[in-house]
């Protein structure tokens, strides 16, 4: 049973209008999606594949993989006078 929690960072790219996810814990992870929910869904598919491909977990691993998705979004809010 894997006990590691894989940290994934997500930030809002305002220029591209997408959420971008990367991780030092998941080799090769770089993906994007228009919503944080869509990004989370993509990660469910991509993370296990990348962990197996990079031999972080065994190719025959079955069970759960814990991820922690940490997101950051900054905006300017205009206030009318």
N, C-alpha and C. Protein backbone atom coordinates (compact mmCIF):
# COMPACT_ATOMS: atom_id res chain seq x y z
N UNK A 1 0.83 -1.18 0.00
CA UNK A 1 0.00 0.00 0.00
C UNK A 1 0.88 1.25 0.00
N UNK A 2 0.67 2.14 -0.93
CA UNK A 2 1.43 3.37 -1.00
C UNK A 2 0.90 4.34 0.06
N UNK A 3 1.79 4.97 0.82
CA UNK A 3 1.36 5.88 1.86
C UNK A 3 1.69 7.33 1.54
N UNK A 4 2.38 7.59 0.46
CA UNK A 4 2.77 8.94 0.10
C UNK A 4 1.55 9.76 -0.35
N UNK A 5 1.63 11.05 -0.07
CA UNK A 5 0.64 11.99 -0.60
C UNK A 5 1.40 12.84 -1.61
N UNK A 6 0.99 12.76 -2.86
CA UNK A 6 1.67 13.47 -3.94
C UNK A 6 1.12 14.89 -4.04
N UNK A 7 2.02 15.86 -3.86
CA UNK A 7 1.64 17.28 -3.89
C UNK A 7 1.58 17.77 -5.34
N UNK A 8 0.48 18.43 -5.67
CA UNK A 8 0.29 18.99 -7.01
C UNK A 8 -0.12 20.45 -6.84
N UNK A 9 0.55 21.33 -7.56
CA UNK A 9 0.25 22.75 -7.52
C UNK A 9 -0.52 23.15 -8.77
N UNK A 10 -1.53 23.97 -8.57
CA UNK A 10 -2.32 24.48 -9.69
C UNK A 10 -2.42 25.99 -9.56
N UNK A 11 -2.28 26.67 -10.70
CA UNK A 11 -2.45 28.11 -10.69
C UNK A 11 -3.28 28.52 -11.90
N UNK A 12 -3.96 29.63 -11.75
CA UNK A 12 -4.79 30.17 -12.82
C UNK A 12 -3.92 31.01 -13.74
N UNK A 13 -3.85 30.64 -15.01
CA UNK A 13 -3.14 31.42 -16.02
C UNK A 13 -4.17 32.31 -16.71
N UNK A 14 -4.23 33.55 -16.30
CA UNK A 14 -5.24 34.48 -16.81
C UNK A 14 -5.08 34.73 -18.30
N UNK A 15 -3.85 34.76 -18.80
CA UNK A 15 -3.62 35.00 -20.22
C UNK A 15 -4.19 33.88 -21.08
N UNK A 16 -4.01 32.65 -20.65
CA UNK A 16 -4.50 31.49 -21.40
C UNK A 16 -5.91 31.09 -20.96
N UNK A 17 -6.38 31.63 -19.84
CA UNK A 17 -7.69 31.32 -19.27
C UNK A 17 -7.83 29.82 -18.96
N UNK A 18 -6.79 29.27 -18.31
CA UNK A 18 -6.80 27.86 -17.91
C UNK A 18 -6.12 27.69 -16.57
N UNK A 19 -6.46 26.59 -15.89
CA UNK A 19 -5.73 26.15 -14.70
C UNK A 19 -4.57 25.29 -15.18
N UNK A 20 -3.39 25.50 -14.60
CA UNK A 20 -2.19 24.75 -14.96
C UNK A 20 -1.73 23.98 -13.73
N UNK A 21 -1.44 22.70 -13.91
CA UNK A 21 -0.97 21.86 -12.80
C UNK A 21 0.42 21.32 -13.08
N UNK A 22 1.28 21.38 -12.06
CA UNK A 22 2.61 20.81 -12.12
C UNK A 22 2.91 20.18 -10.76
N UNK A 23 3.97 19.38 -10.72
CA UNK A 23 4.31 18.73 -9.45
C UNK A 23 5.76 18.29 -9.45
N UNK A 24 6.44 18.51 -8.33
CA UNK A 24 7.77 17.95 -8.14
C UNK A 24 7.67 16.48 -7.75
N UNK A 25 6.52 16.08 -7.21
CA UNK A 25 6.32 14.70 -6.75
C UNK A 25 5.91 13.74 -7.87
N UNK A 26 5.33 14.28 -8.93
CA UNK A 26 4.86 13.45 -10.05
C UNK A 26 5.68 13.83 -11.28
N UNK A 27 6.72 13.07 -11.59
CA UNK A 27 7.60 13.41 -12.69
C UNK A 27 6.85 13.56 -14.01
N UNK A 28 7.14 14.66 -14.70
CA UNK A 28 6.56 14.88 -16.02
C UNK A 28 5.18 15.52 -16.02
N UNK A 29 4.63 15.81 -14.84
CA UNK A 29 3.28 16.36 -14.80
C UNK A 29 3.27 17.82 -15.22
N UNK A 30 2.54 18.10 -16.27
CA UNK A 30 2.26 19.45 -16.75
C UNK A 30 1.00 19.34 -17.59
N UNK A 31 -0.10 19.83 -17.04
CA UNK A 31 -1.37 19.74 -17.76
C UNK A 31 -2.21 20.95 -17.43
N UNK A 32 -3.25 21.16 -18.21
CA UNK A 32 -4.12 22.32 -18.00
C UNK A 32 -5.56 21.97 -18.33
N UNK A 33 -6.46 22.80 -17.79
CA UNK A 33 -7.88 22.63 -18.06
C UNK A 33 -8.58 23.96 -17.79
N UNK A 34 -9.76 24.11 -18.35
CA UNK A 34 -10.49 25.37 -18.24
C UNK A 34 -11.11 25.59 -16.86
N UNK A 35 -11.39 24.52 -16.13
CA UNK A 35 -11.94 24.65 -14.78
C UNK A 35 -11.12 23.80 -13.82
N UNK A 36 -11.20 24.14 -12.54
CA UNK A 36 -10.48 23.35 -11.53
C UNK A 36 -11.07 21.95 -11.45
N UNK A 37 -12.38 21.81 -11.69
CA UNK A 37 -13.01 20.50 -11.67
C UNK A 37 -12.51 19.63 -12.83
N UNK A 38 -12.40 20.23 -14.01
CA UNK A 38 -11.88 19.50 -15.17
C UNK A 38 -10.41 19.12 -14.95
N UNK A 39 -9.66 20.01 -14.32
CA UNK A 39 -8.26 19.71 -14.02
C UNK A 39 -8.16 18.54 -13.06
N UNK A 40 -8.98 18.55 -12.04
CA UNK A 40 -9.00 17.46 -11.08
C UNK A 40 -9.32 16.13 -11.75
N UNK A 41 -10.26 16.13 -12.66
CA UNK A 41 -10.62 14.91 -13.40
C UNK A 41 -9.45 14.43 -14.25
N UNK A 42 -8.77 15.35 -14.94
CA UNK A 42 -7.61 14.97 -15.74
C UNK A 42 -6.53 14.34 -14.87
N UNK A 43 -6.33 14.89 -13.68
CA UNK A 43 -5.30 14.37 -12.79
C UNK A 43 -5.59 12.93 -12.38
N UNK A 44 -6.86 12.58 -12.24
CA UNK A 44 -7.22 11.20 -11.89
C UNK A 44 -6.73 10.20 -12.94
N UNK A 45 -6.67 10.64 -14.18
CA UNK A 45 -6.19 9.77 -15.26
C UNK A 45 -4.68 9.84 -15.43
N UNK A 46 -4.12 11.06 -15.35
CA UNK A 46 -2.71 11.28 -15.68
C UNK A 46 -1.77 10.82 -14.56
N UNK A 47 -2.09 11.13 -13.32
CA UNK A 47 -1.17 10.86 -12.22
C UNK A 47 -0.79 9.38 -12.12
N UNK A 48 -1.74 8.44 -12.10
CA UNK A 48 -1.31 7.03 -12.02
C UNK A 48 -0.42 6.63 -13.19
N UNK A 49 -0.75 7.07 -14.39
CA UNK A 49 0.07 6.73 -15.57
C UNK A 49 1.49 7.25 -15.42
N UNK A 50 1.64 8.51 -15.00
CA UNK A 50 2.97 9.09 -14.85
C UNK A 50 3.76 8.41 -13.73
N UNK A 51 3.10 8.09 -12.63
CA UNK A 51 3.80 7.42 -11.54
C UNK A 51 4.28 6.04 -11.95
N UNK A 52 3.48 5.32 -12.73
CA UNK A 52 3.89 4.00 -13.21
C UNK A 52 4.98 4.12 -14.27
N UNK A 53 4.81 5.03 -15.21
CA UNK A 53 5.79 5.21 -16.29
C UNK A 53 7.16 5.57 -15.73
N UNK A 54 7.18 6.36 -14.67
CA UNK A 54 8.44 6.82 -14.07
C UNK A 54 8.91 5.94 -12.91
N UNK A 55 8.28 4.77 -12.77
CA UNK A 55 8.68 3.77 -11.77
C UNK A 55 8.63 4.29 -10.34
N UNK A 56 7.73 5.24 -10.09
CA UNK A 56 7.51 5.71 -8.73
C UNK A 56 6.64 4.70 -7.98
N UNK A 57 5.69 4.12 -8.68
CA UNK A 57 4.92 2.99 -8.18
C UNK A 57 5.05 1.86 -9.19
N UNK A 58 4.83 0.66 -8.75
CA UNK A 58 5.00 -0.49 -9.65
C UNK A 58 3.88 -0.54 -10.69
N UNK A 59 4.18 -1.11 -11.83
CA UNK A 59 3.23 -1.19 -12.94
C UNK A 59 2.02 -2.04 -12.59
N UNK A 60 2.15 -2.93 -11.62
CA UNK A 60 1.02 -3.78 -11.23
C UNK A 60 0.32 -3.28 -9.96
N UNK A 61 0.61 -2.05 -9.55
CA UNK A 61 0.03 -1.49 -8.33
C UNK A 61 -1.49 -1.39 -8.45
N UNK A 62 -2.18 -1.80 -7.40
CA UNK A 62 -3.62 -1.59 -7.30
C UNK A 62 -3.88 -0.97 -5.94
N UNK A 63 -4.83 -0.09 -5.89
CA UNK A 63 -5.15 0.60 -4.64
C UNK A 63 -5.34 2.07 -4.89
N UNK A 64 -5.26 2.84 -3.85
CA UNK A 64 -5.50 4.28 -3.94
C UNK A 64 -4.19 5.05 -4.02
N UNK A 65 -4.23 6.16 -4.69
CA UNK A 65 -3.12 7.10 -4.77
C UNK A 65 -3.64 8.41 -4.19
N UNK A 66 -2.96 8.91 -3.16
CA UNK A 66 -3.39 10.16 -2.52
C UNK A 66 -2.69 11.35 -3.16
N UNK A 67 -3.48 12.33 -3.58
CA UNK A 67 -2.92 13.57 -4.08
C UNK A 67 -3.46 14.73 -3.25
N UNK A 68 -2.67 15.78 -3.18
CA UNK A 68 -3.12 17.02 -2.55
C UNK A 68 -2.97 18.10 -3.61
N UNK A 69 -4.10 18.62 -4.07
CA UNK A 69 -4.12 19.66 -5.10
C UNK A 69 -4.21 21.01 -4.40
N UNK A 70 -3.16 21.79 -4.55
CA UNK A 70 -3.09 23.10 -3.92
C UNK A 70 -3.21 24.14 -5.04
N UNK A 71 -4.27 24.95 -4.96
CA UNK A 71 -4.52 25.91 -6.05
C UNK A 71 -4.34 27.34 -5.57
N UNK A 72 -4.00 28.19 -6.55
CA UNK A 72 -3.81 29.60 -6.29
C UNK A 72 -4.40 30.39 -7.45
N UNK A 73 -5.21 31.37 -7.10
CA UNK A 73 -5.77 32.25 -8.12
C UNK A 73 -5.81 33.66 -7.54
N UNK A 74 -5.31 34.60 -8.30
CA UNK A 74 -5.30 35.99 -7.87
C UNK A 74 -6.05 36.82 -8.89
N UNK A 75 -6.87 37.74 -8.39
CA UNK A 75 -7.66 38.60 -9.26
C UNK A 75 -7.62 40.02 -8.74
N UNK A 76 -7.87 40.95 -9.63
CA UNK A 76 -8.10 42.33 -9.25
C UNK A 76 -9.60 42.57 -9.29
N UNK A 77 -10.10 43.15 -8.23
CA UNK A 77 -11.53 43.44 -8.16
C UNK A 77 -11.71 44.95 -8.27
N UNK A 78 -12.40 45.37 -9.30
CA UNK A 78 -12.65 46.79 -9.51
C UNK A 78 -13.78 47.25 -8.59
N UNK A 79 -13.55 48.37 -7.93
CA UNK A 79 -14.55 48.94 -7.04
C UNK A 79 -15.01 50.27 -7.63
N UNK A 80 -16.28 50.36 -7.87
CA UNK A 80 -16.82 51.61 -8.43
C UNK A 80 -16.90 52.66 -7.33
N UNK A 81 -16.62 53.90 -7.70
CA UNK A 81 -16.69 54.96 -6.68
C UNK A 81 -18.01 55.70 -6.76
